Amino acid sequence: MNQATTPQLPDIAAMRQLVQRGESRPLRWRQEQLQRLQTLLTRHEQQLIEALGHDLGKPQLEASMELVLVHQELRLTRSQLRRWMAPEALPLAAANPPYDRSESVDTRFAGRRHRTNRPAALE
């Protein structure tokens, strides 16, 4: 494959940094992408049915049902997207407070062995 036909791969490291910073695609962008997918499926429905038949041996009725299911999933996703993207408060048990990395680590035994009641052969 030459350089002209090689697809551009996404920068995974940059994508990870966005997620680690808590950034994400906005609601409007996601809604537009879902609408575009819906339009694409509708526009090429017959071609998709034929491809499912040719590639996977699916009868036309089964292939049509597959597309109906995808349309239903898209509709559900579009209707729930705002709720799914909303910040969610998670309860914390009193026994499991959030970890504070600024707290010092107990280093009393770091780098040295401590005494146990086990025989030396088992240590």
PDB file of N, CA and C in Angstrom:
ATOM      1  N   MET A   1       0.830  -1.175   0.000  1.00  0.00           N
ATOM      2  CA  MET A   1       0.000   0.000   0.000  1.00  0.00           C
ATOM      3  C   MET A   1       0.881   1.247   0.000  1.00  0.00           C
ATOM      4  N   ASN A   2       0.603   2.189  -0.837  1.00  0.00           N
ATOM      5  CA  ASN A   2       1.416   3.395  -0.850  1.00  0.00           C
ATOM      6  C   ASN A   2       0.849   4.435   0.107  1.00  0.00           C
ATOM      7  N   GLN A   3       1.589   5.517   0.288  1.00  0.00           N
ATOM      8  CA  GLN A   3       1.191   6.561   1.234  1.00  0.00           C
ATOM      9  C   GLN A   3      -0.155   7.180   0.887  1.00  0.00           C
ATOM     10  N   ALA A   4      -0.487   7.281  -0.388  1.00  0.00           N
ATOM     11  CA  ALA A   4      -1.726   7.945  -0.800  1.00  0.00           C
ATOM     12  C   ALA A   4      -2.962   7.157  -0.382  1.00  0.00           C
ATOM     13  N   THR A   5      -2.861   5.827  -0.306  1.00  0.00           N
ATOM     14  CA  THR A   5      -4.041   5.031   0.014  1.00  0.00           C
ATOM     15  C   THR A   5      -4.066   4.543   1.464  1.00  0.00           C
ATOM     16  N   THR A   6      -3.022   4.840   2.238  1.00  0.00           N
ATOM     17  CA  THR A   6      -2.993   4.418   3.629  1.00  0.00           C
ATOM     18  C   THR A   6      -3.926   5.308   4.444  1.00  0.00           C
ATOM     19  N   PRO A   7      -4.896   4.699   5.148  1.00  0.00           N
ATOM     20  CA  PRO A   7      -5.807   5.536   5.937  1.00  0.00           C
ATOM     21  C   PRO A   7      -5.078   6.163   7.124  1.00  0.00           C
ATOM     22  N   GLN A   8      -5.493   7.358   7.491  1.00  0.00           N
ATOM     23  CA  GLN A   8      -4.912   8.061   8.629  1.00  0.00           C
ATOM     24  C   GLN A   8      -5.473   7.460   9.910  1.00  0.00           C
ATOM     25  N   LEU A   9      -4.589   6.969  10.765  1.00  0.00           N
ATOM     26  CA  LEU A   9      -5.008   6.384  12.027  1.00  0.00           C
ATOM     27  C   LEU A   9      -5.166   7.481  13.071  1.00  0.00           C
ATOM     28  N   PRO A  10      -6.125   7.325  13.981  1.00  0.00           N
ATOM     29  CA  PRO A  10      -6.297   8.346  15.018  1.00  0.00           C
ATOM     30  C   PRO A  10      -5.119   8.327  15.992  1.00  0.00           C
ATOM     31  N   ASP A  11      -4.853   9.460  16.575  1.00  0.00           N
ATOM     32  CA  ASP A  11      -3.791   9.585  17.561  1.00  0.00           C
ATOM     33  C   ASP A  11      -4.336   9.082  18.899  1.00  0.00           C
ATOM     34  N   ILE A  12      -4.070   7.820  19.209  1.00  0.00           N
ATOM     35  CA  ILE A  12      -4.611   7.182  20.401  1.00  0.00           C
ATOM     36  C   ILE A  12      -4.132   7.890  21.667  1.00  0.00           C
ATOM     37  N   ALA A  13      -2.876   8.296  21.703  1.00  0.00           N
ATOM     38  CA  ALA A  13      -2.343   8.971  22.896  1.00  0.00           C
ATOM     39  C   ALA A  13      -3.117  10.263  23.169  1.00  0.00           C
ATOM     40  N   ALA A  14      -3.401  11.020  22.117  1.00  0.00           N
ATOM     41  CA  ALA A  14      -4.153  12.269  22.285  1.00  0.00           C
ATOM     42  C   ALA A  14      -5.576  11.978  22.756  1.00  0.00           C
ATOM     43  N   MET A  15      -6.165  10.901  22.235  1.00  0.00           N
ATOM     44  CA  MET A  15      -7.515  10.536  22.649  1.00  0.00           C
ATOM     45  C   MET A  15      -7.534  10.138  24.130  1.00  0.00           C
ATOM     46  N   ARG A  16      -6.532   9.410  24.558  1.00  0.00           N
ATOM     47  CA  ARG A  16      -6.445   9.009  25.970  1.00  0.00           C
ATOM     48  C   ARG A  16      -6.296  10.223  26.881  1.00  0.00           C
ATOM     49  N   GLN A  17      -5.497  11.196  26.443  1.00  0.00           N
ATOM     50  CA  GLN A  17      -5.312  12.403  27.251  1.00  0.00           C
ATOM     51  C   GLN A  17      -6.631  13.143  27.442  1.00  0.00           C
ATOM     52  N   LEU A  18      -7.437  13.218  26.396  1.00  0.00           N
ATOM     53  CA  LEU A  18      -8.747  13.863  26.514  1.00  0.00           C
ATOM     54  C   LEU A  18      -9.601  13.176  27.567  1.00  0.00           C
ATOM     55  N   VAL A  19      -9.625  11.863  27.530  1.00  0.00           N
ATOM     56  CA  VAL A  19     -10.436  11.106  28.479  1.00  0.00           C
ATOM     57  C   VAL A  19      -9.897  11.282  29.891  1.00  0.00           C
ATOM     58  N   GLN A  20      -8.576  11.237  30.044  1.00  0.00           N
ATOM     59  CA  GLN A  20      -7.978  11.394  31.365  1.00  0.00           C
ATOM     60  C   GLN A  20      -8.238  12.774  31.959  1.00  0.00           C
ATOM     61  N   ARG A  21      -8.366  13.787  31.106  1.00  0.00           N
ATOM     62  CA  ARG A  21      -8.688  15.133  31.577  1.00  0.00           C
ATOM     63  C   ARG A  21     -10.182  15.303  31.815  1.00  0.00           C
ATOM     64  N   GLY A  22     -10.959  14.276  31.502  1.00  0.00           N
ATOM     65  CA  GLY A  22     -12.395  14.359  31.702  1.00  0.00           C
ATOM     66  C   GLY A  22     -13.111  15.062  30.558  1.00  0.00           C
ATOM     67  N   GLU A  23     -12.416  15.246  29.451  1.00  0.00           N
ATOM     68  CA  GLU A  23     -13.029  15.907  28.302  1.00  0.00           C
ATOM     69  C   GLU A  23     -13.669  14.859  27.406  1.00  0.00           C
ATOM     70  N   SER A  24     -14.665  15.278  26.695  1.00  0.00           N
ATOM     71  CA  SER A  24     -15.397  14.361  25.835  1.00  0.00           C
ATOM     72  C   SER A  24     -16.052  15.164  24.716  1.00  0.00           C
ATOM     73  N   ARG A  25     -16.569  14.470  23.745  1.00  0.00           N
ATOM     74  CA  ARG A  25     -17.285  15.170  22.672  1.00  0.00           C
ATOM     75  C   ARG A  25     -18.585  15.737  23.231  1.00  0.00           C
ATOM     76  N   PRO A  26     -18.969  16.931  22.792  1.00  0.00           N
ATOM     77  CA  PRO A  26     -20.201  17.540  23.303  1.00  0.00           C
ATOM     78  C   PRO A  26     -21.451  16.815  22.807  1.00  0.00           C
ATOM     79  N   LEU A  27     -22.530  17.033  23.512  1.00  0.00           N
ATOM     80  CA  LEU A  27     -23.814  16.414  23.192  1.00  0.00           C
ATOM     81  C   LEU A  27     -24.214  16.685  21.746  1.00  0.00           C
ATOM     82  N   ARG A  28     -24.115  17.923  21.309  1.00  0.00           N
ATOM     83  CA  ARG A  28     -24.537  18.285  19.957  1.00  0.00           C
ATOM     84  C   ARG A  28     -23.768  17.472  18.905  1.00  0.00           C
ATOM     85  N   TRP A  29     -22.448  17.324  19.094  1.00  0.00           N
ATOM     86  CA  TRP A  29     -21.631  16.563  18.148  1.00  0.00           C
ATOM     87  C   TRP A  29     -22.091  15.115  18.099  1.00  0.00           C
ATOM     88  N   ARG A  30     -22.349  14.516  19.248  1.00  0.00           N
ATOM     89  CA  ARG A  30     -22.800  13.124  19.306  1.00  0.00           C
ATOM     90  C   ARG A  30     -24.168  12.957  18.640  1.00  0.00           C
ATOM     91  N   GLN A  31     -25.060  13.914  18.880  1.00  0.00           N
ATOM     92  CA  GLN A  31     -26.382  13.855  18.243  1.00  0.00           C
ATOM     93  C   GLN A  31     -26.255  13.934  16.727  1.00  0.00           C
ATOM     94  N   GLU A  32     -25.385  14.797  16.249  1.00  0.00           N
ATOM     95  CA  GLU A  32     -25.171  14.918  14.806  1.00  0.00           C
ATOM     96  C   GLU A  32     -24.626  13.619  14.212  1.00  0.00           C
ATOM     97  N   GLN A  33     -23.692  12.990  14.903  1.00  0.00           N
ATOM     98  CA  GLN A  33     -23.119  11.729  14.412  1.00  0.00           C
ATOM     99  C   GLN A  33     -24.187  10.637  14.350  1.00  0.00           C
ATOM    100  N   LEU A  34     -25.027  10.575  15.358  1.00  0.00           N
ATOM    101  CA  LEU A  34     -26.107   9.584  15.352  1.00  0.00           C
ATOM    102  C   LEU A  34     -27.095   9.861  14.222  1.00  0.00           C
ATOM    103  N   GLN A  35     -27.397  11.136  13.981  1.00  0.00           N
ATOM    104  CA  GLN A  35     -28.297  11.495  12.886  1.00  0.00           C
ATOM    105  C   GLN A  35     -27.681  11.137  11.546  1.00  0.00           C
ATOM    106  N   ARG A  36     -26.393  11.373  11.395  1.00  0.00           N
ATOM    107  CA  ARG A  36     -25.711  11.021  10.136  1.00  0.00           C
ATOM    108  C   ARG A  36     -25.742   9.512   9.893  1.00  0.00           C
ATOM    109  N   LEU A  37     -25.545   8.738  10.955  1.00  0.00           N
ATOM    110  CA  LEU A  37     -25.596   7.289  10.821  1.00  0.00           C
ATOM    111  C   LEU A  37     -26.998   6.844  10.433  1.00  0.00           C
ATOM    112  N   GLN A  38     -28.008   7.445  11.044  1.00  0.00           N
ATOM    113  CA  GLN A  38     -29.399   7.136  10.709  1.00  0.00           C
ATOM    114  C   GLN A  38     -29.670   7.436   9.230  1.00  0.00           C
ATOM    115  N   THR A  39     -29.217   8.577   8.778  1.00  0.00           N
ATOM    116  CA  THR A  39     -29.401   8.971   7.381  1.00  0.00           C
ATOM    117  C   THR A  39     -28.674   8.012   6.440  1.00  0.00           C
ATOM    118  N   LEU A  40     -27.449   7.659   6.798  1.00  0.00           N
ATOM    119  CA  LEU A  40     -26.662   6.724   5.990  1.00  0.00           C
ATOM    120  C   LEU A  40     -27.368   5.376   5.865  1.00  0.00           C
ATOM    121  N   LEU A  41     -27.867   4.859   6.976  1.00  0.00           N
ATOM    122  CA  LEU A  41     -28.577   3.570   6.947  1.00  0.00           C
ATOM    123  C   LEU A  41     -29.828   3.645   6.079  1.00  0.00           C
ATOM    124  N   THR A  42     -30.565   4.726   6.212  1.00  0.00           N
ATOM    125  CA  THR A  42     -31.794   4.890   5.433  1.00  0.00           C
ATOM    126  C   THR A  42     -31.479   5.029   3.944  1.00  0.00           C
ATOM    127  N   ARG A  43     -30.484   5.837   3.628  1.00  0.00           N
ATOM    128  CA  ARG A  43     -30.123   6.095   2.236  1.00  0.00           C
ATOM    129  C   ARG A  43     -29.615   4.837   1.522  1.00  0.00           C
ATOM    130  N   HIS A  44     -28.919   3.974   2.241  1.00  0.00           N
ATOM    131  CA  HIS A  44     -28.304   2.793   1.623  1.00  0.00           C
ATOM    132  C   HIS A  44     -28.916   1.490   2.109  1.00  0.00           C
ATOM    133  N   GLU A  45     -30.161   1.549   2.524  1.00  0.00           N
ATOM    134  CA  GLU A  45     -30.814   0.373   3.102  1.00  0.00           C
ATOM    135  C   GLU A  45     -30.819  -0.825   2.152  1.00  0.00           C
ATOM    136  N   GLN A  46     -31.208  -0.611   0.926  1.00  0.00           N
ATOM    137  CA  GLN A  46     -31.274  -1.728  -0.014  1.00  0.00           C
ATOM    138  C   GLN A  46     -29.902  -2.331  -0.281  1.00  0.00           C
ATOM    139  N   GLN A  47     -28.886  -1.478  -0.385  1.00  0.00           N
ATOM    140  CA  GLN A  47     -27.524  -1.980  -0.585  1.00  0.00           C
ATOM    141  C   GLN A  47     -27.055  -2.788   0.632  1.00  0.00           C
ATOM    142  N   LEU A  48     -27.411  -2.347   1.819  1.00  0.00           N
ATOM    143  CA  LEU A  48     -27.035  -3.068   3.025  1.00  0.00           C
ATOM    144  C   LEU A  48     -27.731  -4.426   3.101  1.00  0.00           C
ATOM    145  N   ILE A  49     -29.002  -4.465   2.721  1.00  0.00           N
ATOM    146  CA  ILE A  49     -29.752  -5.729   2.716  1.00  0.00           C
ATOM    147  C   ILE A  49     -29.107  -6.708   1.737  1.00  0.00           C
ATOM    148  N   GLU A  50     -28.754  -6.192   0.556  1.00  0.00           N
ATOM    149  CA  GLU A  50     -28.102  -7.047  -0.439  1.00  0.00           C
ATOM    150  C   GLU A  50     -26.739  -7.532   0.061  1.00  0.00           C
ATOM    151  N   ALA A  51     -25.979  -6.657   0.710  1.00  0.00           N
ATOM    152  CA  ALA A  51     -24.658  -7.039   1.221  1.00  0.00           C
ATOM    153  C   ALA A  51     -24.784  -8.093   2.321  1.00  0.00           C
ATOM    154  N   LEU A  52     -25.762  -7.944   3.205  1.00  0.00           N
ATOM    155  CA  LEU A  52     -25.976  -8.945   4.256  1.00  0.00           C
ATOM    156  C   LEU A  52     -26.356 -10.298   3.649  1.00  0.00           C
ATOM    157  N   GLY A  53     -27.116 -10.251   2.575  1.00  0.00           N
ATOM    158  CA  GLY A  53     -27.475 -11.491   1.888  1.00  0.00           C
ATOM    159  C   GLY A  53     -26.278 -12.121   1.201  1.00  0.00           C
ATOM    160  N   HIS A  54     -25.522 -11.307   0.509  1.00  0.00           N
ATOM    161  CA  HIS A  54     -24.367 -11.819  -0.246  1.00  0.00           C
ATOM    162  C   HIS A  54     -23.243 -12.280   0.673  1.00  0.00           C
ATOM    163  N   ASP A  55     -22.881 -11.438   1.649  1.00  0.00           N
ATOM    164  CA  ASP A  55     -21.724 -11.737   2.503  1.00  0.00           C
ATOM    165  C   ASP A  55     -22.030 -12.763   3.590  1.00  0.00           C
ATOM    166  N   LEU A  56     -23.219 -12.689   4.177  1.00  0.00           N
ATOM    167  CA  LEU A  56     -23.535 -13.550   5.318  1.00  0.00           C
ATOM    168  C   LEU A  56     -24.626 -14.572   5.034  1.00  0.00           C
ATOM    169  N   GLY A  57     -25.172 -14.534   3.817  1.00  0.00           N
ATOM    170  CA  GLY A  57     -26.211 -15.485   3.444  1.00  0.00           C
ATOM    171  C   GLY A  57     -27.540 -15.249   4.138  1.00  0.00           C
ATOM    172  N   LYS A  58     -27.788 -14.022   4.582  1.00  0.00           N
ATOM    173  CA  LYS A  58     -29.044 -13.727   5.274  1.00  0.00           C
ATOM    174  C   LYS A  58     -30.159 -13.537   4.260  1.00  0.00           C
ATOM    175  N   PRO A  59     -31.318 -14.133   4.534  1.00  0.00           N
ATOM    176  CA  PRO A  59     -32.479 -13.865   3.671  1.00  0.00           C
ATOM    177  C   PRO A  59     -32.874 -12.391   3.785  1.00  0.00           C
ATOM    178  N   GLN A  60     -33.573 -11.900   2.796  1.00  0.00           N
ATOM    179  CA  GLN A  60     -33.929 -10.485   2.755  1.00  0.00           C
ATOM    180  C   GLN A  60     -34.719 -10.054   3.988  1.00  0.00           C
ATOM    181  N   LEU A  61     -35.651 -10.871   4.433  1.00  0.00           N
ATOM    182  CA  LEU A  61     -36.451 -10.523   5.600  1.00  0.00           C
ATOM    183  C   LEU A  61     -35.572 -10.399   6.855  1.00  0.00           C
ATOM    184  N   GLU A  62     -34.656 -11.343   7.035  1.00  0.00           N
ATOM    185  CA  GLU A  62     -33.767 -11.297   8.204  1.00  0.00           C
ATOM    186  C   GLU A  62     -32.848 -10.084   8.132  1.00  0.00           C
ATOM    187  N   ALA A  63     -32.325  -9.789   6.964  1.00  0.00           N
ATOM    188  CA  ALA A  63     -31.459  -8.624   6.797  1.00  0.00           C
ATOM    189  C   ALA A  63     -32.230  -7.335   7.093  1.00  0.00           C
ATOM    190  N   SER A  64     -33.483  -7.290   6.644  1.00  0.00           N
ATOM    191  CA  SER A  64     -34.326  -6.117   6.924  1.00  0.00           C
ATOM    192  C   SER A  64     -34.543  -5.954   8.419  1.00  0.00           C
ATOM    193  N   MET A  65     -34.766  -7.062   9.102  1.00  0.00           N
ATOM    194  CA  MET A  65     -34.977  -7.016  10.552  1.00  0.00           C
ATOM    195  C   MET A  65     -33.711  -6.541  11.270  1.00  0.00           C
ATOM    196  N   GLU A  66     -32.556  -6.945  10.778  1.00  0.00           N
ATOM    197  CA  GLU A  66     -31.298  -6.474  11.363  1.00  0.00           C
ATOM    198  C   GLU A  66     -31.235  -4.947  11.305  1.00  0.00           C
ATOM    199  N   LEU A  67     -31.610  -4.392  10.172  1.00  0.00           N
ATOM    200  CA  LEU A  67     -31.573  -2.939  10.018  1.00  0.00           C
ATOM    201  C   LEU A  67     -32.633  -2.259  10.879  1.00  0.00           C
ATOM    202  N   VAL A  68     -33.782  -2.890  11.023  1.00  0.00           N
ATOM    203  CA  VAL A  68     -34.827  -2.340  11.903  1.00  0.00           C
ATOM    204  C   VAL A  68     -34.280  -2.255  13.329  1.00  0.00           C
ATOM    205  N   LEU A  69     -33.582  -3.296  13.761  1.00  0.00           N
ATOM    206  CA  LEU A  69     -33.010  -3.295  15.114  1.00  0.00           C
ATOM    207  C   LEU A  69     -31.980  -2.186  15.286  1.00  0.00           C
ATOM    208  N   VAL A  70     -31.170  -1.981  14.277  1.00  0.00           N
ATOM    209  CA  VAL A  70     -30.169  -0.911  14.351  1.00  0.00           C
ATOM    210  C   VAL A  70     -30.861   0.447  14.429  1.00  0.00           C
ATOM    211  N   HIS A  71     -31.914   0.633  13.631  1.00  0.00           N
ATOM    212  CA  HIS A  71     -32.672   1.891  13.682  1.00  0.00           C
ATOM    213  C   HIS A  71     -33.276   2.095  15.076  1.00  0.00           C
ATOM    214  N   GLN A  72     -33.785   1.031  15.681  1.00  0.00           N
ATOM    215  CA  GLN A  72     -34.360   1.143  17.023  1.00  0.00           C
ATOM    216  C   GLN A  72     -33.290   1.494  18.055  1.00  0.00           C
ATOM    217  N   GLU A  73     -32.132   0.897  17.936  1.00  0.00           N
ATOM    218  CA  GLU A  73     -31.037   1.204  18.861  1.00  0.00           C
ATOM    219  C   GLU A  73     -30.593   2.658  18.699  1.00  0.00           C
ATOM    220  N   LEU A  74     -30.549   3.131  17.479  1.00  0.00           N
ATOM    221  CA  LEU A  74     -30.197   4.534  17.248  1.00  0.00           C
ATOM    222  C   LEU A  74     -31.239   5.460  17.866  1.00  0.00           C
ATOM    223  N   ARG A  75     -32.496   5.133  17.701  1.00  0.00           N
ATOM    224  CA  ARG A  75     -33.570   5.945  18.273  1.00  0.00           C
ATOM    225  C   ARG A  75     -33.451   5.969  19.802  1.00  0.00           C
ATOM    226  N   LEU A  76     -33.220   4.819  20.404  1.00  0.00           N
ATOM    227  CA  LEU A  76     -33.058   4.743  21.852  1.00  0.00           C
ATOM    228  C   LEU A  76     -31.854   5.572  22.302  1.00  0.00           C
ATOM    229  N   THR A  77     -30.747   5.418  21.609  1.00  0.00           N
ATOM    230  CA  THR A  77     -29.535   6.151  21.968  1.00  0.00           C
ATOM    231  C   THR A  77     -29.760   7.648  21.871  1.00  0.00           C
ATOM    232  N   ARG A  78     -30.406   8.086  20.814  1.00  0.00           N
ATOM    233  CA  ARG A  78     -30.676   9.517  20.648  1.00  0.00           C
ATOM    234  C   ARG A  78     -31.596  10.045  21.743  1.00  0.00           C
ATOM    235  N   SER A  79     -32.555   9.244  22.161  1.00  0.00           N
ATOM    236  CA  SER A  79     -33.492   9.711  23.187  1.00  0.00           C
ATOM    237  C   SER A  79     -32.866   9.708  24.586  1.00  0.00           C
ATOM    238  N   GLN A  80     -31.881   8.861  24.832  1.00  0.00           N
ATOM    239  CA  GLN A  80     -31.290   8.737  26.166  1.00  0.00           C
ATOM    240  C   GLN A  80     -29.929   9.420  26.303  1.00  0.00           C
ATOM    241  N   LEU A  81     -29.391   9.905  25.202  1.00  0.00           N
ATOM    242  CA  LEU A  81     -28.022  10.408  25.195  1.00  0.00           C
ATOM    243  C   LEU A  81     -27.780  11.492  26.240  1.00  0.00           C
ATOM    244  N   ARG A  82     -28.676  12.443  26.338  1.00  0.00           N
ATOM    245  CA  ARG A  82     -28.499  13.541  27.300  1.00  0.00           C
ATOM    246  C   ARG A  82     -28.408  12.982  28.724  1.00  0.00           C
ATOM    247  N   ARG A  83     -29.281  12.052  29.051  1.00  0.00           N
ATOM    248  CA  ARG A  83     -29.281  11.453  30.385  1.00  0.00           C
ATOM    249  C   ARG A  83     -28.005  10.648  30.610  1.00  0.00           C
ATOM    250  N   TRP A  84     -27.577   9.896  29.599  1.00  0.00           N
ATOM    251  CA  TRP A  84     -26.371   9.078  29.732  1.00  0.00           C
ATOM    252  C   TRP A  84     -25.114   9.923  29.908  1.00  0.00           C
ATOM    253  N   MET A  85     -25.127  11.118  29.329  1.00  0.00           N
ATOM    254  CA  MET A  85     -23.953  11.991  29.413  1.00  0.00           C
ATOM    255  C   MET A  85     -23.949  12.862  30.662  1.00  0.00           C
ATOM    256  N   ALA A  86     -25.039  12.921  31.380  1.00  0.00           N
ATOM    257  CA  ALA A  86     -25.127  13.773  32.563  1.00  0.00           C
ATOM    258  C   ALA A  86     -24.170  13.268  33.642  1.00  0.00           C
ATOM    259  N   PRO A  87     -23.571  14.191  34.373  1.00  0.00           N
ATOM    260  CA  PRO A  87     -22.703  13.773  35.482  1.00  0.00           C
ATOM    261  C   PRO A  87     -23.518  12.939  36.474  1.00  0.00           C
ATOM    262  N   GLU A  88     -22.859  11.989  37.056  1.00  0.00           N
ATOM    263  CA  GLU A  88     -23.550  11.081  37.961  1.00  0.00           C
ATOM    264  C   GLU A  88     -22.801  11.025  39.284  1.00  0.00           C
ATOM    265  N   ALA A  89     -23.496  11.338  40.347  1.00  0.00           N
ATOM    266  CA  ALA A  89     -22.896  11.257  41.669  1.00  0.00           C
ATOM    267  C   ALA A  89     -22.930   9.802  42.118  1.00  0.00           C
ATOM    268  N   LEU A  90     -21.797   9.300  42.521  1.00  0.00           N
ATOM    269  CA  LEU A  90     -21.713   7.926  42.984  1.00  0.00           C
ATOM    270  C   LEU A  90     -21.569   7.920  44.500  1.00  0.00           C
ATOM    271  N   PRO A  91     -22.342   7.095  45.178  1.00  0.00           N
ATOM    272  CA  PRO A  91     -22.235   7.051  46.637  1.00  0.00           C
ATOM    273  C   PRO A  91     -20.919   6.393  47.062  1.00  0.00           C
ATOM    274  N   LEU A  92     -20.365   6.903  48.130  1.00  0.00           N
ATOM    275  CA  LEU A  92     -19.154   6.326  48.690  1.00  0.00           C
ATOM    276  C   LEU A  92     -19.481   5.779  50.072  1.00  0.00           C
ATOM    277  N   ALA A  93     -19.039   4.591  50.325  1.00  0.00           N
ATOM    278  CA  ALA A  93     -19.224   4.026  51.651  1.00  0.00           C
ATOM    279  C   ALA A  93     -18.317   4.754  52.630  1.00  0.00           C
ATOM    280  N   ALA A  94     -18.766   4.927  53.859  1.00  0.00           N
ATOM    281  CA  ALA A  94     -17.971   5.629  54.866  1.00  0.00           C
ATOM    282  C   ALA A  94     -16.638   4.924  55.098  1.00  0.00           C
ATOM    283  N   ALA A  95     -16.615   3.608  54.901  1.00  0.00           N
ATOM    284  CA  ALA A  95     -15.382   2.850  55.113  1.00  0.00           C
ATOM    285  C   ALA A  95     -14.398   3.021  53.958  1.00  0.00           C
ATOM    286  N   ASN A  96     -14.833   3.596  52.848  1.00  0.00           N
ATOM    287  CA  ASN A  96     -13.980   3.763  51.673  1.00  0.00           C
ATOM    288  C   ASN A  96     -13.926   5.221  51.248  1.00  0.00           C
ATOM    289  N   PRO A  97     -13.297   6.080  52.044  1.00  0.00           N
ATOM    290  CA  PRO A  97     -13.232   7.490  51.632  1.00  0.00           C
ATOM    291  C   PRO A  97     -12.343   7.634  50.402  1.00  0.00           C
ATOM    292  N   PRO A  98     -12.472   8.721  49.668  1.00  0.00           N
ATOM    293  CA  PRO A  98     -11.625   8.920  48.481  1.00  0.00           C
ATOM    294  C   PRO A  98     -10.151   8.930  48.877  1.00  0.00           C
ATOM    295  N   TYR A  99      -9.336   8.361  48.046  1.00  0.00           N
ATOM    296  CA  TYR A  99      -7.890   8.293  48.306  1.00  0.00           C
ATOM    297  C   TYR A  99      -7.270   9.646  48.023  1.00  0.00           C
ATOM    298  N   ASP A 100      -6.503  10.155  48.956  1.00  0.00           N
ATOM    299  CA  ASP A 100      -5.824  11.437  48.794  1.00  0.00           C
ATOM    300  C   ASP A 100      -4.344  11.172  48.578  1.00  0.00           C
ATOM    301  N   ARG A 101      -3.868  11.374  47.355  1.00  0.00           N
ATOM    302  CA  ARG A 101      -2.476  11.091  47.031  1.00  0.00           C
ATOM    303  C   ARG A 101      -1.510  12.034  47.743  1.00  0.00           C
ATOM    304  N   SER A 102      -2.000  13.141  48.266  1.00  0.00           N
ATOM    305  CA  SER A 102      -1.101  14.069  48.935  1.00  0.00           C
ATOM    306  C   SER A 102      -0.717  13.579  50.326  1.00  0.00           C
ATOM    307  N   GLU A 103      -1.480  12.618  50.850  1.00  0.00           N
ATOM    308  CA  GLU A 103      -1.145  12.073  52.157  1.00  0.00           C
ATOM    309  C   GLU A 103       0.151  11.284  52.054  1.00  0.00           C
ATOM    310  N   SER A 104       0.954  11.363  53.096  1.00  0.00           N
ATOM    311  CA  SER A 104       2.222  10.644  53.056  1.00  0.00           C
ATOM    312  C   SER A 104       1.982   9.147  53.182  1.00  0.00           C
ATOM    313  N   VAL A 105       2.888   8.384  52.610  1.00  0.00           N
ATOM    314  CA  VAL A 105       2.802   6.933  52.628  1.00  0.00           C
ATOM    315  C   VAL A 105       3.586   6.419  53.831  1.00  0.00           C
ATOM    316  N   ASP A 106       3.058   5.428  54.494  1.00  0.00           N
ATOM    317  CA  ASP A 106       3.732   4.829  55.649  1.00  0.00           C
ATOM    318  C   ASP A 106       4.967   4.081  55.154  1.00  0.00           C
ATOM    319  N   THR A 107       6.136   4.596  55.487  1.00  0.00           N
ATOM    320  CA  THR A 107       7.380   3.992  55.002  1.00  0.00           C
ATOM    321  C   THR A 107       8.185   3.361  56.134  1.00  0.00           C
ATOM    322  N   ARG A 108       7.534   3.039  57.238  1.00  0.00           N
ATOM    323  CA  ARG A 108       8.267   2.484  58.382  1.00  0.00           C
ATOM    324  C   ARG A 108       9.024   1.216  58.012  1.00  0.00           C
ATOM    325  N   PHE A 109       8.460   0.399  57.147  1.00  0.00           N
ATOM    326  CA  PHE A 109       9.093  -0.868  56.810  1.00  0.00           C
ATOM    327  C   PHE A 109       9.718  -0.866  55.418  1.00  0.00           C
ATOM    328  N   ALA A 110       9.731   0.263  54.777  1.00  0.00           N
ATOM    329  CA  ALA A 110      10.267   0.322  53.421  1.00  0.00           C
ATOM    330  C   ALA A 110      11.759   0.042  53.433  1.00  0.00           C
ATOM    331  N   GLY A 111      12.175  -0.885  52.615  1.00  0.00           N
ATOM    332  CA  GLY A 111      13.589  -1.174  52.447  1.00  0.00           C
ATOM    333  C   GLY A 111      14.220  -2.003  53.551  1.00  0.00           C
ATOM    334  N   ARG A 112      13.458  -2.396  54.564  1.00  0.00           N
ATOM    335  CA  ARG A 112      14.045  -3.248  55.601  1.00  0.00           C
ATOM    336  C   ARG A 112      13.041  -4.318  56.000  1.00  0.00           C
ATOM    337  N   ARG A 113      13.545  -5.377  56.484  1.00  0.00           N
ATOM    338  CA  ARG A 113      12.684  -6.483  56.886  1.00  0.00           C
ATOM    339  C   ARG A 113      12.170  -6.233  58.289  1.00  0.00           C
ATOM    340  N   HIS A 114      10.957  -6.646  58.512  1.00  0.00           N
ATOM    341  CA  HIS A 114      10.415  -6.521  59.859  1.00  0.00           C
ATOM    342  C   HIS A 114      10.277  -7.903  60.494  1.00  0.00           C
ATOM    343  N   ARG A 115      10.233  -7.927  61.795  1.00  0.00           N
ATOM    344  CA  ARG A 115      10.170  -9.203  62.514  1.00  0.00           C
ATOM    345  C   ARG A 115       8.783  -9.813  62.428  1.00  0.00           C
ATOM    346  N   THR A 116       8.780 -11.102  62.282  1.00  0.00           N
ATOM    347  CA  THR A 116       7.524 -11.843  62.317  1.00  0.00           C
ATOM    348  C   THR A 116       7.685 -13.004  63.270  1.00  0.00           C
ATOM    349  N   ASN A 117       6.631 -13.712  63.524  1.00  0.00           N
ATOM    350  CA  ASN A 117       6.698 -14.889  64.386  1.00  0.00           C
ATOM    351  C   ASN A 117       7.027 -16.135  63.587  1.00  0.00           C
ATOM    352  N   ARG A 118       7.216 -15.997  62.271  1.00  0.00           N
ATOM    353  CA  ARG A 118       7.537 -17.156  61.451  1.00  0.00           C
ATOM    354  C   ARG A 118       9.014 -17.493  61.537  1.00  0.00           C
ATOM    355  N   PRO A 119       9.332 -18.759  61.382  1.00  0.00           N
ATOM    356  CA  PRO A 119      10.763 -19.133  61.347  1.00  0.00           C
ATOM    357  C   PRO A 119      11.469 -18.453  60.192  1.00  0.00           C
ATOM    358  N   ALA A 120      12.738 -18.182  60.347  1.00  0.00           N
ATOM    359  CA  ALA A 120      13.518 -17.480  59.325  1.00  0.00           C
ATOM    360  C   ALA A 120      13.477 -18.188  57.983  1.00  0.00           C
ATOM    361  N   ALA A 121      13.366 -19.505  57.998  1.00  0.00           N
ATOM    362  CA  ALA A 121      13.343 -20.269  56.739  1.00  0.00           C
ATOM    363  C   ALA A 121      12.101 -19.927  55.917  1.00  0.00           C
ATOM    364  N   LEU A 122      11.025 -19.489  56.556  1.00  0.00           N
ATOM    365  CA  LEU A 122       9.796 -19.188  55.835  1.00  0.00           C
ATOM    366  C   LEU A 122       9.721 -17.722  55.409  1.00  0.00           C
ATOM    367  N   GLU A 123      10.622 -16.887  55.892  1.00  0.00           N
ATOM    368  CA  GLU A 123      10.573 -15.473  55.534  1.00  0.00           C
ATOM    369  C   GLU A 123      11.235 -15.214  54.212  1.00  0.00           C
TER     370      GLU A 123
END
